[in-house]
Each structure stands twice: as C-alpha cells, then as structure tokens.
C-alpha atoms as a PDB file:
ATOM      1  CA  MET A   1      48.843  59.400  46.681  1.00  0.00           C
ATOM      2  CA  ILE A   2      48.558  55.931  47.551  1.00  0.00           C
ATOM      3  CA  LEU A   3      48.315  53.522  45.028  1.00  0.00           C
ATOM      4  CA  PHE A   4      46.805  49.831  45.738  1.00  0.00           C
ATOM      5  CA  PHE A   5      50.664  48.286  45.448  1.00  0.00           C
ATOM      6  CA  ASN A   6      52.045  50.726  47.464  1.00  0.00           C
ATOM      7  CA  LYS A   7      50.015  50.429  51.016  1.00  0.00           C
ATOM      8  CA  GLU A   8      48.886  48.541  54.243  1.00  0.00           C
ATOM      9  CA  ASP A   9      46.041  48.310  55.951  1.00  0.00           C
ATOM     10  CA  VAL A  10      46.287  49.708  59.372  1.00  0.00           C
ATOM     11  CA  TYR A  11      42.764  49.178  60.635  1.00  0.00           C
ATOM     12  CA  ILE A  12      39.657  46.835  59.370  1.00  0.00           C
ATOM     13  CA  GLY A  13      36.313  47.032  61.312  1.00  0.00           C
ATOM     14  CA  TYR A  14      33.551  47.771  61.853  1.00  0.00           C
ATOM     15  CA  SER A  15      32.909  50.144  64.495  1.00  0.00           C
ATOM     16  CA  ILE A  16      32.852  53.727  63.248  1.00  0.00           C
ATOM     17  CA  GLU A  17      34.212  55.081  66.775  1.00  0.00           C
ATOM     18  CA  GLU A  18      36.787  53.145  66.483  1.00  0.00           C
ATOM     19  CA  LEU A  19      37.331  54.449  62.407  1.00  0.00           C
ATOM     20  CA  SER A  20      37.029  57.861  64.257  1.00  0.00           C
ATOM     21  CA  LYS A  21      39.994  57.260  66.462  1.00  0.00           C
ATOM     22  CA  VAL A  22      42.439  55.843  63.893  1.00  0.00           C
ATOM     23  CA  ARG A  23      41.506  58.564  61.062  1.00  0.00           C
ATOM     24  CA  ARG A  24      41.951  60.966  64.440  1.00  0.00           C
ATOM     25  CA  ILE A  25      45.366  60.028  65.050  1.00  0.00           C
ATOM     26  CA  LEU A  26      46.577  59.623  62.076  1.00  0.00           C
ATOM     27  CA  ASN A  27      45.771  63.281  60.857  1.00  0.00           C
ATOM     28  CA  GLN A  28      47.423  64.420  64.397  1.00  0.00           C
ATOM     29  CA  GLU A  29      51.129  62.891  63.234  1.00  0.00           C
ATOM     30  CA  GLY A  30      50.850  64.199  59.423  1.00  0.00           C
ATOM     31  CA  ILE A  31      50.572  60.193  58.317  1.00  0.00           C
ATOM     32  CA  LYS A  32      48.991  60.307  55.186  1.00  0.00           C
ATOM     33  CA  TYR A  33      46.203  57.670  54.555  1.00  0.00           C
ATOM     34  CA  THR A  34      42.992  56.371  52.660  1.00  0.00           C
ATOM     35  CA  TYR A  35      40.127  54.211  53.736  1.00  0.00           C
ATOM     36  CA  LYS A  36      36.915  52.605  52.311  1.00  0.00           C
ATOM     37  CA  VAL A  37      33.888  51.438  53.579  1.00  0.00           C
ATOM     38  CA  ILE A  38      32.519  48.584  52.160  1.00  0.00           C
ATOM     39  CA  ASN A  39      28.540  47.495  52.857  1.00  0.00           C
ATOM     40  CA  HIS A  40      27.772  43.456  52.932  1.00  0.00           C
ATOM     41  CA  SER A  41      24.647  44.268  52.788  1.00  0.00           C
ATOM     42  CA  GLY A  42      24.951  45.179  48.731  1.00  0.00           C
ATOM     43  CA  GLN A  43      26.478  42.216  48.169  1.00  0.00           C
ATOM     44  CA  TRP A  44      24.756  40.730  45.060  1.00  0.00           C
ATOM     45  CA  LEU A  45      23.182  36.917  45.794  1.00  0.00           C
ATOM     46  CA  ARG A  46      21.392  35.671  42.887  1.00  0.00           C
ATOM     47  CA  ARG A  47      18.962  38.215  41.263  1.00  0.00           C
ATOM     48  CA  GLY A  48      19.420  41.263  43.004  1.00  0.00           C
ATOM     49  CA  THR A  49      21.724  42.321  46.539  1.00  0.00           C
ATOM     50  CA  ILE A  50      21.186  41.023  49.632  1.00  0.00           C
ATOM     51  CA  ARG A  51      19.531  43.539  51.265  1.00  0.00           C
ATOM     52  CA  GLY A  52      17.018  43.433  48.415  1.00  0.00           C
ATOM     53  CA  ASN A  53      16.290  39.580  48.143  1.00  0.00           C
ATOM     54  CA  LEU A  54      15.599  39.297  52.183  1.00  0.00           C
ATOM     55  CA  GLY A  55      15.244  42.887  53.487  1.00  0.00           C
ATOM     56  CA  SER A  56      17.502  43.237  57.266  1.00  0.00           C
ATOM     57  CA  TYR A  57      16.002  39.481  57.980  1.00  0.00           C
ATOM     58  CA  GLY A  58      18.755  38.078  60.028  1.00  0.00           C
ATOM     59  CA  MET A  59      21.184  40.515  59.399  1.00  0.00           C
ATOM     60  CA  ASN A  60      23.410  41.878  62.510  1.00  0.00           C
ATOM     61  CA  MET A  61      22.948  45.923  61.595  1.00  0.00           C
ATOM     62  CA  ALA A  62      26.396  46.082  63.627  1.00  0.00           C
ATOM     63  CA  TYR A  63      28.574  43.729  61.139  1.00  0.00           C
ATOM     64  CA  GLU A  64      26.674  45.640  57.730  1.00  0.00           C
ATOM     65  CA  ARG A  65      29.751  48.309  57.292  1.00  0.00           C
ATOM     66  CA  GLN A  66      33.542  47.439  57.293  1.00  0.00           C
ATOM     67  CA  TYR A  67      35.919  50.321  57.850  1.00  0.00           C
ATOM     68  CA  VAL A  68      39.214  49.517  55.966  1.00  0.00           C
ATOM     69  CA  VAL A  69      42.075  52.575  56.499  1.00  0.00           C
ATOM     70  CA  SER A  70      45.222  51.822  54.458  1.00  0.00           C
ATOM     71  CA  VAL A  71      48.318  53.654  54.396  1.00  0.00           C
ATOM     72  CA  LYS A  72      51.961  53.785  52.753  1.00  0.00           C
ATOM     73  CA  LYS A  73      54.141  51.100  53.278  1.00  0.00           C
ATOM     74  CA  LYS A  74      56.855  53.269  54.640  1.00  0.00           C
ATOM     75  CA  ASP A  75      54.476  54.929  57.966  1.00  0.00           C
ATOM     76  CA  TYR A  76      53.169  51.562  58.406  1.00  0.00           C
ATOM     77  CA  GLU A  77      54.890  50.450  61.338  1.00  0.00           C
ATOM     78  CA  LYS A  78      54.859  54.328  62.805  1.00  0.00           C
ATOM     79  CA  ALA A  79      51.029  53.517  62.162  1.00  0.00           C
ATOM     80  CA  ARG A  80      49.504  50.769  62.946  1.00  0.00           C
ATOM     81  CA  TYR A  81      51.840  51.278  66.576  1.00  0.00           C
ATOM     82  CA  LEU A  82      49.860  54.636  66.760  1.00  0.00           C
ATOM     83  CA  VAL A  83      46.411  52.950  65.881  1.00  0.00           C
ATOM     84  CA  ASN A  84      47.276  49.848  68.865  1.00  0.00           C
ATOM     85  CA  SER A  85      48.459  52.788  71.222  1.00  0.00           C
ATOM     86  CA  VAL A  86      44.843  54.673  70.714  1.00  0.00           C
ATOM     87  CA  LEU A  87      42.573  51.169  70.053  1.00  0.00           C
ATOM     88  CA  HIS A  88      44.218  49.191  73.257  1.00  0.00           C
ATOM     89  CA  PRO A  89      45.335  51.844  75.509  1.00  0.00           C
END
C-alpha cells in the first residue's frame, strides 16, 4: 500500500496518452503505483462549480483533467528514469 507520506509523484500532466505510456512501463517493470485524476472543471467557484456556472465557455478542454502518478519513495529513482525514457526518448 502506498501511503501519502511514503510516495513521490513521477508524472503530472494532462495527456491521457502519456498517462497510458507511464502506466504501461511501470506495470512492465513491476513497480506499484497509484494515480489520480483531477477534474478542474469540477472546482467550486462561488455558487457552484466552474463548469456549472460558465459551461465550457473559455475552457481549454485539453487541460480539463490533470493526471498524477505516484510511486513509493524507494522506487522513485527507477520509476523516474523509466518515465523519462518513455516520454522523452
């Protein structure tokens, strides 16, 4: 189990394709990870969510969701190397 005080983020981005590459390489190497999706259009703004108040006006849909992949601290160096090698060949 990866607890919040025992983890490091190895990927933070907005691309589902990059997230897929990161997850694939970590699975191949047997590195356990967690990931979360942060939906920015669901953030609260005064009397409701941003999307609820404004619709999609002015929103760049490519940056609506942010993806964060975390690994155990002991696996961080290896995971970071693998993530960089798959995203920046």
